[in-house]
PDB file of all heavy atoms in Angstrom:
ATOM      1  N   ARG A   1       0.855  -1.197   0.000  1.00  0.00           N
ATOM      2  CA  ARG A   1       0.000   0.000   0.000  1.00  0.00           C
ATOM      3  C   ARG A   1       0.882   1.234   0.000  1.00  0.00           C
ATOM      4  O   ARG A   1       1.804   1.352   0.782  1.00  0.00           O
ATOM      5  CB  ARG A   1      -0.889   0.000   1.245  1.00  0.00           C
ATOM      6  CG  ARG A   1      -1.869   1.148   1.309  1.00  0.00           C
ATOM      7  CD  ARG A   1      -2.746   1.020   2.531  1.00  0.00           C
ATOM      8  NE  ARG A   1      -3.686   2.126   2.642  1.00  0.00           N
ATOM      9  CZ  ARG A   1      -4.418   2.361   3.713  1.00  0.00           C
ATOM     10  NH1 ARG A   1      -4.351   1.565   4.760  1.00  0.00           N
ATOM     11  NH2 ARG A   1      -5.241   3.383   3.744  1.00  0.00           N
ATOM     12  N   ASP A   2       0.575   2.148  -0.879  1.00  0.00           N
ATOM     13  CA  ASP A   2       1.257   3.446  -0.938  1.00  0.00           C
ATOM     14  C   ASP A   2       0.190   4.470  -1.284  1.00  0.00           C
ATOM     15  O   ASP A   2      -0.209   4.601  -2.432  1.00  0.00           O
ATOM     16  CB  ASP A   2       2.355   3.426  -1.993  1.00  0.00           C
ATOM     17  CG  ASP A   2       3.191   4.693  -1.997  1.00  0.00           C
ATOM     18  OD1 ASP A   2       2.868   5.639  -1.249  1.00  0.00           O
ATOM     19  OD2 ASP A   2       4.177   4.749  -2.752  1.00  0.00           O
ATOM     20  N   GLU A   3      -0.304   5.162  -0.264  1.00  0.00           N
ATOM     21  CA  GLU A   3      -1.424   6.068  -0.448  1.00  0.00           C
ATOM     22  C   GLU A   3      -1.045   7.472   0.008  1.00  0.00           C
ATOM     23  O   GLU A   3      -0.381   7.646   1.026  1.00  0.00           O
ATOM     24  CB  GLU A   3      -2.633   5.579   0.360  1.00  0.00           C
ATOM     25  CG  GLU A   3      -3.883   6.371   0.134  1.00  0.00           C
ATOM     26  CD  GLU A   3      -5.081   5.807   0.896  1.00  0.00           C
ATOM     27  OE1 GLU A   3      -5.059   4.645   1.334  1.00  0.00           O
ATOM     28  OE2 GLU A   3      -6.047   6.571   1.059  1.00  0.00           O
ATOM     29  N   THR A   4      -1.474   8.454  -0.758  1.00  0.00           N
ATOM     30  CA  THR A   4      -1.228   9.857  -0.440  1.00  0.00           C
ATOM     31  C   THR A   4      -2.558  10.591  -0.390  1.00  0.00           C
ATOM     32  O   THR A   4      -3.435  10.345  -1.217  1.00  0.00           O
ATOM     33  CB  THR A   4      -0.329  10.505  -1.520  1.00  0.00           C
ATOM     34  OG1 THR A   4       0.880   9.765  -1.600  1.00  0.00           O
ATOM     35  CG2 THR A   4      -0.020  11.947  -1.185  1.00  0.00           C
ATOM     36  N   ARG A   5      -2.685  11.491   0.575  1.00  0.00           N
ATOM     37  CA  ARG A   5      -3.853  12.359   0.670  1.00  0.00           C
ATOM     38  C   ARG A   5      -3.360  13.800   0.729  1.00  0.00           C
ATOM     39  O   ARG A   5      -2.415  14.103   1.448  1.00  0.00           O
ATOM     40  CB  ARG A   5      -4.664  12.058   1.933  1.00  0.00           C
ATOM     41  CG  ARG A   5      -5.293  10.681   1.943  1.00  0.00           C
ATOM     42  CD  ARG A   5      -6.053  10.467   3.229  1.00  0.00           C
ATOM     43  NE  ARG A   5      -6.631   9.122   3.287  1.00  0.00           N
ATOM     44  CZ  ARG A   5      -7.265   8.643   4.343  1.00  0.00           C
ATOM     45  NH1 ARG A   5      -7.426   9.396   5.426  1.00  0.00           N
ATOM     46  NH2 ARG A   5      -7.747   7.427   4.331  1.00  0.00           N
ATOM     47  N   LEU A   6      -4.007  14.664  -0.027  1.00  0.00           N
ATOM     48  CA  LEU A   6      -3.646  16.074  -0.057  1.00  0.00           C
ATOM     49  C   LEU A   6      -4.844  16.909   0.352  1.00  0.00           C
ATOM     50  O   LEU A   6      -5.987  16.546   0.071  1.00  0.00           O
ATOM     51  CB  LEU A   6      -3.200  16.486  -1.468  1.00  0.00           C
ATOM     52  CG  LEU A   6      -2.028  15.720  -2.056  1.00  0.00           C
ATOM     53  CD1 LEU A   6      -1.796  16.146  -3.498  1.00  0.00           C
ATOM     54  CD2 LEU A   6      -0.781  15.920  -1.225  1.00  0.00           C
ATOM     55  N   GLY A   7      -4.569  18.031   0.989  1.00  0.00           N
ATOM     56  CA  GLY A   7      -5.647  18.918   1.383  1.00  0.00           C
ATOM     57  C   GLY A   7      -5.107  20.307   1.654  1.00  0.00           C
ATOM     58  O   GLY A   7      -3.906  20.560   1.548  1.00  0.00           O
ATOM     59  N   SER A   8      -6.019  21.193   1.992  1.00  0.00           N
ATOM     60  CA  SER A   8      -5.609  22.559   2.325  1.00  0.00           C
ATOM     61  C   SER A   8      -6.573  23.110   3.364  1.00  0.00           C
ATOM     62  O   SER A   8      -7.676  22.594   3.549  1.00  0.00           O
ATOM     63  CB  SER A   8      -5.591  23.447   1.085  1.00  0.00           C
ATOM     64  OG  SER A   8      -6.882  23.554   0.536  1.00  0.00           O
ATOM     65  N   ALA A   9      -6.127  24.152   4.031  1.00  0.00           N
ATOM     66  CA  ALA A   9      -6.952  24.814   5.046  1.00  0.00           C
ATOM     67  C   ALA A   9      -6.552  26.273   5.092  1.00  0.00           C
ATOM     68  O   ALA A   9      -5.429  26.638   4.725  1.00  0.00           O
ATOM     69  CB  ALA A   9      -6.749  24.158   6.407  1.00  0.00           C
ATOM     70  N   THR A  10      -7.469  27.109   5.552  1.00  0.00           N
ATOM     71  CA  THR A  10      -7.174  28.539   5.659  1.00  0.00           C
ATOM     72  C   THR A  10      -6.807  28.942   7.081  1.00  0.00           C
ATOM     73  O   THR A  10      -6.440  30.087   7.314  1.00  0.00           O
ATOM     74  CB  THR A  10      -8.374  29.379   5.182  1.00  0.00           C
ATOM     75  OG1 THR A  10      -9.533  29.007   5.932  1.00  0.00           O
ATOM     76  CG2 THR A  10      -8.613  29.171   3.695  1.00  0.00           C
ATOM     77  N   ALA A  11      -6.914  27.995   8.024  1.00  0.00           N
ATOM     78  CA  ALA A  11      -6.539  28.265   9.414  1.00  0.00           C
ATOM     79  C   ALA A  11      -5.706  27.101   9.936  1.00  0.00           C
ATOM     80  O   ALA A  11      -5.969  25.936   9.591  1.00  0.00           O
ATOM     81  CB  ALA A  11      -7.778  28.447  10.282  1.00  0.00           C
ATOM     82  N   LEU A  12      -4.722  27.396  10.762  1.00  0.00           N
ATOM     83  CA  LEU A  12      -3.855  26.353  11.298  1.00  0.00           C
ATOM     84  C   LEU A  12      -4.650  25.344  12.119  1.00  0.00           C
ATOM     85  O   LEU A  12      -4.400  24.141  12.029  1.00  0.00           O
ATOM     86  CB  LEU A  12      -2.725  26.970  12.130  1.00  0.00           C
ATOM     87  CG  LEU A  12      -1.731  25.980  12.728  1.00  0.00           C
ATOM     88  CD1 LEU A  12      -1.085  25.116  11.645  1.00  0.00           C
ATOM     89  CD2 LEU A  12      -0.663  26.718  13.525  1.00  0.00           C
ATOM     90  N   ASP A  13      -5.602  25.800  12.916  1.00  0.00           N
ATOM     91  CA  ASP A  13      -6.418  24.875  13.711  1.00  0.00           C
ATOM     92  C   ASP A  13      -7.127  23.857  12.824  1.00  0.00           C
ATOM     93  O   ASP A  13      -7.204  22.675  13.160  1.00  0.00           O
ATOM     94  CB  ASP A  13      -7.448  25.624  14.548  1.00  0.00           C
ATOM     95  CG  ASP A  13      -6.830  26.368  15.718  1.00  0.00           C
ATOM     96  OD1 ASP A  13      -5.664  26.084  16.063  1.00  0.00           O
ATOM     97  OD2 ASP A  13      -7.516  27.244  16.294  1.00  0.00           O
ATOM     98  N   ASP A  14      -7.645  24.308  11.693  1.00  0.00           N
ATOM     99  CA  ASP A  14      -8.319  23.400  10.761  1.00  0.00           C
ATOM    100  C   ASP A  14      -7.328  22.422  10.153  1.00  0.00           C
ATOM    101  O   ASP A  14      -7.642  21.243   9.953  1.00  0.00           O
ATOM    102  CB  ASP A  14      -9.027  24.184   9.662  1.00  0.00           C
ATOM    103  CG  ASP A  14     -10.185  25.021  10.187  1.00  0.00           C
ATOM    104  OD1 ASP A  14     -10.712  24.697  11.279  1.00  0.00           O
ATOM    105  OD2 ASP A  14     -10.547  26.005   9.517  1.00  0.00           O
ATOM    106  N   ALA A  15      -6.125  22.886   9.830  1.00  0.00           N
ATOM    107  CA  ALA A  15      -5.098  22.021   9.263  1.00  0.00           C
ATOM    108  C   ALA A  15      -4.692  20.944  10.262  1.00  0.00           C
ATOM    109  O   ALA A  15      -4.552  19.763   9.904  1.00  0.00           O
ATOM    110  CB  ALA A  15      -3.884  22.842   8.839  1.00  0.00           C
ATOM    111  N   VAL A  16      -4.524  21.320  11.520  1.00  0.00           N
ATOM    112  CA  VAL A  16      -4.146  20.353  12.555  1.00  0.00           C
ATOM    113  C   VAL A  16      -5.266  19.340  12.775  1.00  0.00           C
ATOM    114  O   VAL A  16      -5.022  18.141  12.914  1.00  0.00           O
ATOM    115  CB  VAL A  16      -3.787  21.084  13.869  1.00  0.00           C
ATOM    116  CG1 VAL A  16      -3.637  20.100  15.021  1.00  0.00           C
ATOM    117  CG2 VAL A  16      -2.506  21.895  13.691  1.00  0.00           C
ATOM    118  N   ARG A  17      -6.494  19.797  12.771  1.00  0.00           N
ATOM    119  CA  ARG A  17      -7.637  18.895  12.935  1.00  0.00           C
ATOM    120  C   ARG A  17      -7.674  17.867  11.791  1.00  0.00           C
ATOM    121  O   ARG A  17      -7.866  16.675  12.023  1.00  0.00           O
ATOM    122  CB  ARG A  17      -8.931  19.714  12.983  1.00  0.00           C
ATOM    123  CG  ARG A  17     -10.048  19.063  13.710  1.00  0.00           C
ATOM    124  CD  ARG A  17     -11.288  19.941  13.953  1.00  0.00           C
ATOM    125  NE  ARG A  17     -11.301  21.306  13.457  1.00  0.00           N
ATOM    126  CZ  ARG A  17     -10.925  22.381  14.175  1.00  0.00           C
ATOM    127  NH1 ARG A  17     -10.506  22.235  15.408  1.00  0.00           N
ATOM    128  NH2 ARG A  17     -10.984  23.589  13.663  1.00  0.00           N
ATOM    129  N   ALA A  18      -7.473  18.321  10.571  1.00  0.00           N
ATOM    130  CA  ALA A  18      -7.448  17.405   9.420  1.00  0.00           C
ATOM    131  C   ALA A  18      -6.268  16.450   9.516  1.00  0.00           C
ATOM    132  O   ALA A  18      -6.398  15.251   9.231  1.00  0.00           O
ATOM    133  CB  ALA A  18      -7.385  18.202   8.121  1.00  0.00           C
ATOM    134  N   ALA A  19      -5.118  16.958   9.939  1.00  0.00           N
ATOM    135  CA  ALA A  19      -3.927  16.115  10.074  1.00  0.00           C
ATOM    136  C   ALA A  19      -4.152  15.021  11.109  1.00  0.00           C
ATOM    137  O   ALA A  19      -3.773  13.863  10.892  1.00  0.00           O
ATOM    138  CB  ALA A  19      -2.722  16.974  10.451  1.00  0.00           C
ATOM    139  N   ARG A  20      -4.771  15.358  12.218  1.00  0.00           N
ATOM    140  CA  ARG A  20      -5.042  14.351  13.255  1.00  0.00           C
ATOM    141  C   ARG A  20      -6.004  13.278  12.754  1.00  0.00           C
ATOM    142  O   ARG A  20      -5.872  12.107  13.103  1.00  0.00           O
ATOM    143  CB  ARG A  20      -5.588  15.029  14.503  1.00  0.00           C
ATOM    144  CG  ARG A  20      -4.524  15.798  15.253  1.00  0.00           C
ATOM    145  CD  ARG A  20      -5.066  16.422  16.515  1.00  0.00           C
ATOM    146  NE  ARG A  20      -4.020  17.165  17.208  1.00  0.00           N
ATOM    147  CZ  ARG A  20      -4.225  18.182  18.012  1.00  0.00           C
ATOM    148  NH1 ARG A  20      -5.465  18.587  18.244  1.00  0.00           N
ATOM    149  NH2 ARG A  20      -3.224  18.796  18.593  1.00  0.00           N
ATOM    150  N   ALA A  21      -6.961  13.677  11.927  1.00  0.00           N
ATOM    151  CA  ALA A  21      -7.893  12.691  11.355  1.00  0.00           C
ATOM    152  C   ALA A  21      -7.149  11.724  10.433  1.00  0.00           C
ATOM    153  O   ALA A  21      -7.387  10.509  10.476  1.00  0.00           O
ATOM    154  CB  ALA A  21      -9.013  13.398  10.598  1.00  0.00           C
ATOM    155  N   HIS A  22      -6.240  12.239   9.612  1.00  0.00           N
ATOM    156  CA  HIS A  22      -5.438  11.365   8.740  1.00  0.00           C
ATOM    157  C   HIS A  22      -4.521  10.476   9.570  1.00  0.00           C
ATOM    158  O   HIS A  22      -4.357   9.288   9.271  1.00  0.00           O
ATOM    159  CB  HIS A  22      -4.605  12.190   7.761  1.00  0.00           C
ATOM    160  CG  HIS A  22      -5.408  12.929   6.739  1.00  0.00           C
ATOM    161  ND1 HIS A  22      -6.383  12.349   5.963  1.00  0.00           N
ATOM    162  CD2 HIS A  22      -5.368  14.227   6.355  1.00  0.00           C
ATOM    163  CE1 HIS A  22      -6.913  13.247   5.149  1.00  0.00           C
ATOM    164  NE2 HIS A  22      -6.314  14.405   5.374  1.00  0.00           N
ATOM    165  N   ALA A  23      -3.908  11.039  10.614  1.00  0.00           N
ATOM    166  CA  ALA A  23      -3.015  10.257  11.470  1.00  0.00           C
ATOM    167  C   ALA A  23      -3.777   9.132  12.168  1.00  0.00           C
ATOM    168  O   ALA A  23      -3.239   8.043  12.374  1.00  0.00           O
ATOM    169  CB  ALA A  23      -2.329  11.156  12.493  1.00  0.00           C
ATOM    170  N   ALA A  24      -5.031   9.376  12.513  1.00  0.00           N
ATOM    171  CA  ALA A  24      -5.855   8.328  13.125  1.00  0.00           C
ATOM    172  C   ALA A  24      -6.072   7.166  12.168  1.00  0.00           C
ATOM    173  O   ALA A  24      -6.300   6.026  12.595  1.00  0.00           O
ATOM    174  CB  ALA A  24      -7.196   8.901  13.572  1.00  0.00           C
ATOM    175  N   ASP A  25      -5.970   7.431  10.858  1.00  0.00           N
ATOM    176  CA  ASP A  25      -6.081   6.384   9.840  1.00  0.00           C
ATOM    177  C   ASP A  25      -4.732   5.742   9.539  1.00  0.00           C
ATOM    178  O   ASP A  25      -4.622   4.922   8.623  1.00  0.00           O
ATOM    179  CB  ASP A  25      -6.654   6.960   8.539  1.00  0.00           C
ATOM    180  CG  ASP A  25      -8.116   7.337   8.664  1.00  0.00           C
ATOM    181  OD1 ASP A  25      -8.796   6.820   9.577  1.00  0.00           O
ATOM    182  OD2 ASP A  25      -8.589   8.151   7.837  1.00  0.00           O
ATOM    183  N   GLY A  26      -3.676   6.145  10.263  1.00  0.00           N
ATOM    184  CA  GLY A  26      -2.357   5.530  10.075  1.00  0.00           C
ATOM    185  C   GLY A  26      -1.382   6.318   9.226  1.00  0.00           C
ATOM    186  O   GLY A  26      -0.273   5.869   8.964  1.00  0.00           O
ATOM    187  N   PHE A  27      -1.771   7.512   8.788  1.00  0.00           N
ATOM    188  CA  PHE A  27      -0.920   8.325   7.918  1.00  0.00           C
ATOM    189  C   PHE A  27       0.045   9.186   8.733  1.00  0.00           C
ATOM    190  O   PHE A  27      -0.279   9.619   9.833  1.00  0.00           O
ATOM    191  CB  PHE A  27      -1.783   9.269   7.070  1.00  0.00           C
ATOM    192  CG  PHE A  27      -2.521   8.591   5.965  1.00  0.00           C
ATOM    193  CD1 PHE A  27      -3.655   7.839   6.221  1.00  0.00           C
ATOM    194  CD2 PHE A  27      -2.091   8.713   4.651  1.00  0.00           C
ATOM    195  CE1 PHE A  27      -4.341   7.220   5.205  1.00  0.00           C
ATOM    196  CE2 PHE A  27      -2.774   8.105   3.620  1.00  0.00           C
ATOM    197  CZ  PHE A  27      -3.904   7.345   3.896  1.00  0.00           C
ATOM    198  N   THR A  28       1.217   9.450   8.165  1.00  0.00           N
ATOM    199  CA  THR A  28       2.093  10.504   8.655  1.00  0.00           C
ATOM    200  C   THR A  28       1.722  11.742   7.864  1.00  0.00           C
ATOM    201  O   THR A  28       1.557  11.678   6.641  1.00  0.00           O
ATOM    202  CB  THR A  28       3.575  10.156   8.435  1.00  0.00           C
ATOM    203  OG1 THR A  28       3.870   8.963   9.164  1.00  0.00           O
ATOM    204  CG2 THR A  28       4.485  11.272   8.906  1.00  0.00           C
ATOM    205  N   VAL A  29       1.593  12.882   8.552  1.00  0.00           N
ATOM    206  CA  VAL A  29       1.051  14.084   7.910  1.00  0.00           C
ATOM    207  C   VAL A  29       2.000  15.260   8.111  1.00  0.00           C
ATOM    208  O   VAL A  29       2.469  15.511   9.214  1.00  0.00           O
ATOM    209  CB  VAL A  29      -0.334  14.442   8.491  1.00  0.00           C
ATOM    210  CG1 VAL A  29      -0.965  15.582   7.706  1.00  0.00           C
ATOM    211  CG2 VAL A  29      -1.253  13.229   8.523  1.00  0.00           C
ATOM    212  N   TRP A  30       2.244  15.978   7.022  1.00  0.00           N
ATOM    213  CA  TRP A  30       3.052  17.195   7.052  1.00  0.00           C
ATOM    214  C   TRP A  30       2.136  18.383   6.787  1.00  0.00           C
ATOM    215  O   TRP A  30       1.310  18.346   5.873  1.00  0.00           O
ATOM    216  CB  TRP A  30       4.137  17.158   5.990  1.00  0.00           C
ATOM    217  CG  TRP A  30       5.156  16.103   6.234  1.00  0.00           C
ATOM    218  CD1 TRP A  30       6.358  16.255   6.879  1.00  0.00           C
ATOM    219  CD2 TRP A  30       5.094  14.726   5.844  1.00  0.00           C
ATOM    220  NE1 TRP A  30       7.023  15.058   6.920  1.00  0.00           N
ATOM    221  CE2 TRP A  30       6.270  14.096   6.289  1.00  0.00           C
ATOM    222  CE3 TRP A  30       4.154  13.955   5.179  1.00  0.00           C
ATOM    223  CZ2 TRP A  30       6.543  12.752   6.075  1.00  0.00           C
ATOM    224  CZ3 TRP A  30       4.415  12.621   4.968  1.00  0.00           C
ATOM    225  CH2 TRP A  30       5.595  12.037   5.412  1.00  0.00           C
ATOM    226  N   ILE A  31       2.280  19.421   7.593  1.00  0.00           N
ATOM    227  CA  ILE A  31       1.525  20.657   7.409  1.00  0.00           C
ATOM    228  C   ILE A  31       2.514  21.745   7.006  1.00  0.00           C
ATOM    229  O   ILE A  31       3.542  21.929   7.668  1.00  0.00           O
ATOM    230  CB  ILE A  31       0.801  21.091   8.698  1.00  0.00           C
ATOM    231  CG1 ILE A  31      -0.180  20.002   9.155  1.00  0.00           C
ATOM    232  CG2 ILE A  31       0.062  22.414   8.487  1.00  0.00           C
ATOM    233  CD1 ILE A  31      -0.790  20.270  10.521  1.00  0.00           C
ATOM    234  N   TYR A  32       2.212  22.448   5.916  1.00  0.00           N
ATOM    235  CA  TYR A  32       3.060  23.524   5.411  1.00  0.00           C
ATOM    236  C   TYR A  32       2.270  24.821   5.339  1.00  0.00           C
ATOM    237  O   TYR A  32       1.106  24.819   4.933  1.00  0.00           O
ATOM    238  CB  TYR A  32       3.555  23.214   3.989  1.00  0.00           C
ATOM    239  CG  TYR A  32       4.430  21.985   3.899  1.00  0.00           C
ATOM    240  CD1 TYR A  32       3.888  20.743   3.618  1.00  0.00           C
ATOM    241  CD2 TYR A  32       5.794  22.085   4.102  1.00  0.00           C
ATOM    242  CE1 TYR A  32       4.680  19.615   3.533  1.00  0.00           C
ATOM    243  CE2 TYR A  32       6.597  20.959   4.022  1.00  0.00           C
ATOM    244  CZ  TYR A  32       6.037  19.730   3.736  1.00  0.00           C
ATOM    245  OH  TYR A  32       6.827  18.609   3.664  1.00  0.00           O
ATOM    246  N   GLU A  33       2.913  25.908   5.702  1.00  0.00           N
ATOM    247  CA  GLU A  33       2.336  27.226   5.467  1.00  0.00           C
ATOM    248  C   GLU A  33       2.697  27.607   4.037  1.00  0.00           C
ATOM    249  O   GLU A  33       3.849  27.469   3.617  1.00  0.00           O
ATOM    250  CB  GLU A  33       2.904  28.253   6.435  1.00  0.00           C
ATOM    251  CG  GLU A  33       2.294  29.622   6.254  1.00  0.00           C
ATOM    252  CD  GLU A  33       2.829  30.635   7.254  1.00  0.00           C
ATOM    253  OE1 GLU A  33       3.443  30.235   8.257  1.00  0.00           O
ATOM    254  OE2 GLU A  33       2.614  31.824   7.007  1.00  0.00           O
ATOM    255  N   VAL A  34       1.723  28.051   3.282  1.00  0.00           N
ATOM    256  CA  VAL A  34       1.932  28.417   1.883  1.00  0.00           C
ATOM    257  C   VAL A  34       1.997  29.933   1.783  1.00  0.00           C
ATOM    258  O   VAL A  34       1.053  30.629   2.157  1.00  0.00           O
ATOM    259  CB  VAL A  34       0.794  27.876   0.989  1.00  0.00           C
ATOM    260  CG1 VAL A  34       1.058  28.227  -0.469  1.00  0.00           C
ATOM    261  CG2 VAL A  34       0.626  26.377   1.175  1.00  0.00           C
ATOM    262  N   ASP A  35       3.106  30.417   1.278  1.00  0.00           N
ATOM    263  CA  ASP A  35       3.288  31.862   1.084  1.00  0.00           C
ATOM    264  C   ASP A  35       3.275  32.123  -0.410  1.00  0.00           C
ATOM    265  O   ASP A  35       4.184  31.713  -1.132  1.00  0.00           O
ATOM    266  CB  ASP A  35       4.594  32.324   1.715  1.00  0.00           C
ATOM    267  CG  ASP A  35       4.829  33.819   1.568  1.00  0.00           C
ATOM    268  OD1 ASP A  35       3.897  34.541   1.157  1.00  0.00           O
ATOM    269  OD2 ASP A  35       5.953  34.251   1.859  1.00  0.00           O
ATOM    270  N   ARG A  36       2.228  32.783  -0.870  1.00  0.00           N
ATOM    271  CA  ARG A  36       2.109  33.070  -2.307  1.00  0.00           C
ATOM    272  C   ARG A  36       3.134  34.108  -2.742  1.00  0.00           C
ATOM    273  O   ARG A  36       3.573  34.107  -3.872  1.00  0.00           O
ATOM    274  CB  ARG A  36       0.693  33.543  -2.639  1.00  0.00           C
ATOM    275  CG  ARG A  36      -0.355  32.500  -2.366  1.00  0.00           C
ATOM    276  CD  ARG A  36      -0.280  31.388  -3.363  1.00  0.00           C
ATOM    277  NE  ARG A  36      -1.227  30.333  -3.010  1.00  0.00           N
ATOM    278  CZ  ARG A  36      -1.158  29.129  -3.500  1.00  0.00           C
ATOM    279  NH1 ARG A  36      -0.217  28.808  -4.333  1.00  0.00           N
ATOM    280  NH2 ARG A  36      -2.036  28.218  -3.139  1.00  0.00           N
ATOM    281  N   GLY A  37       3.498  35.011  -1.847  1.00  0.00           N
ATOM    282  CA  GLY A  37       4.547  35.993  -2.143  1.00  0.00           C
ATOM    283  C   GLY A  37       4.321  36.741  -3.439  1.00  0.00           C
ATOM    284  O   GLY A  37       3.220  36.828  -3.959  1.00  0.00           O
ATOM    285  N   SER A  38       5.399  37.254  -3.984  1.00  0.00           N
ATOM    286  CA  SER A  38       5.304  38.024  -5.222  1.00  0.00           C
ATOM    287  C   SER A  38       5.878  37.262  -6.410  1.00  0.00           C
ATOM    288  O   SER A  38       5.824  37.735  -7.528  1.00  0.00           O
ATOM    289  CB  SER A  38       6.043  39.352  -5.062  1.00  0.00           C
ATOM    290  OG  SER A  38       7.402  39.101  -4.768  1.00  0.00           O
ATOM    291  N   GLY A  39       6.430  36.087  -6.163  1.00  0.00           N
ATOM    292  CA  GLY A  39       7.014  35.303  -7.251  1.00  0.00           C
ATOM    293  C   GLY A  39       5.981  34.455  -7.962  1.00  0.00           C
ATOM    294  O   GLY A  39       4.785  34.497  -7.666  1.00  0.00           O
ATOM    295  N   THR A  40       6.451  33.667  -8.912  1.00  0.00           N
ATOM    296  CA  THR A  40       5.540  32.816  -9.681  1.00  0.00           C
ATOM    297  C   THR A  40       5.269  31.495  -8.982  1.00  0.00           C
ATOM    298  O   THR A  40       4.273  30.853  -9.267  1.00  0.00           O
ATOM    299  CB  THR A  40       6.123  32.533 -11.077  1.00  0.00           C
ATOM    300  OG1 THR A  40       7.406  31.893 -10.926  1.00  0.00           O
ATOM    301  CG2 THR A  40       6.280  33.809 -11.873  1.00  0.00           C
ATOM    302  N   GLN A  41       6.161  31.072  -8.088  1.00  0.00           N
ATOM    303  CA  GLN A  41       5.992  29.822  -7.366  1.00  0.00           C
ATOM    304  C   GLN A  41       5.763  30.100  -5.887  1.00  0.00           C
ATOM    305  O   GLN A  41       6.462  30.911  -5.289  1.00  0.00           O
ATOM    306  CB  GLN A  41       7.251  28.947  -7.507  1.00  0.00           C
ATOM    307  CG  GLN A  41       7.547  28.515  -8.924  1.00  0.00           C
ATOM    308  CD  GLN A  41       6.487  27.559  -9.451  1.00  0.00           C
ATOM    309  OE1 GLN A  41       5.962  26.733  -8.728  1.00  0.00           O
ATOM    310  NE2 GLN A  41       6.170  27.684 -10.725  1.00  0.00           N
TER     311      GLN A  41
END
């Protein structure tokens, strides 16, 4: 088994809540802050 789940949130509390739900299913979860900045990436 090799499964990936992706998601997004607009608040850190929501991101942590989603991460804990995935972790309860056995996943390791990384949370990243996304900075759109002024560049293209």
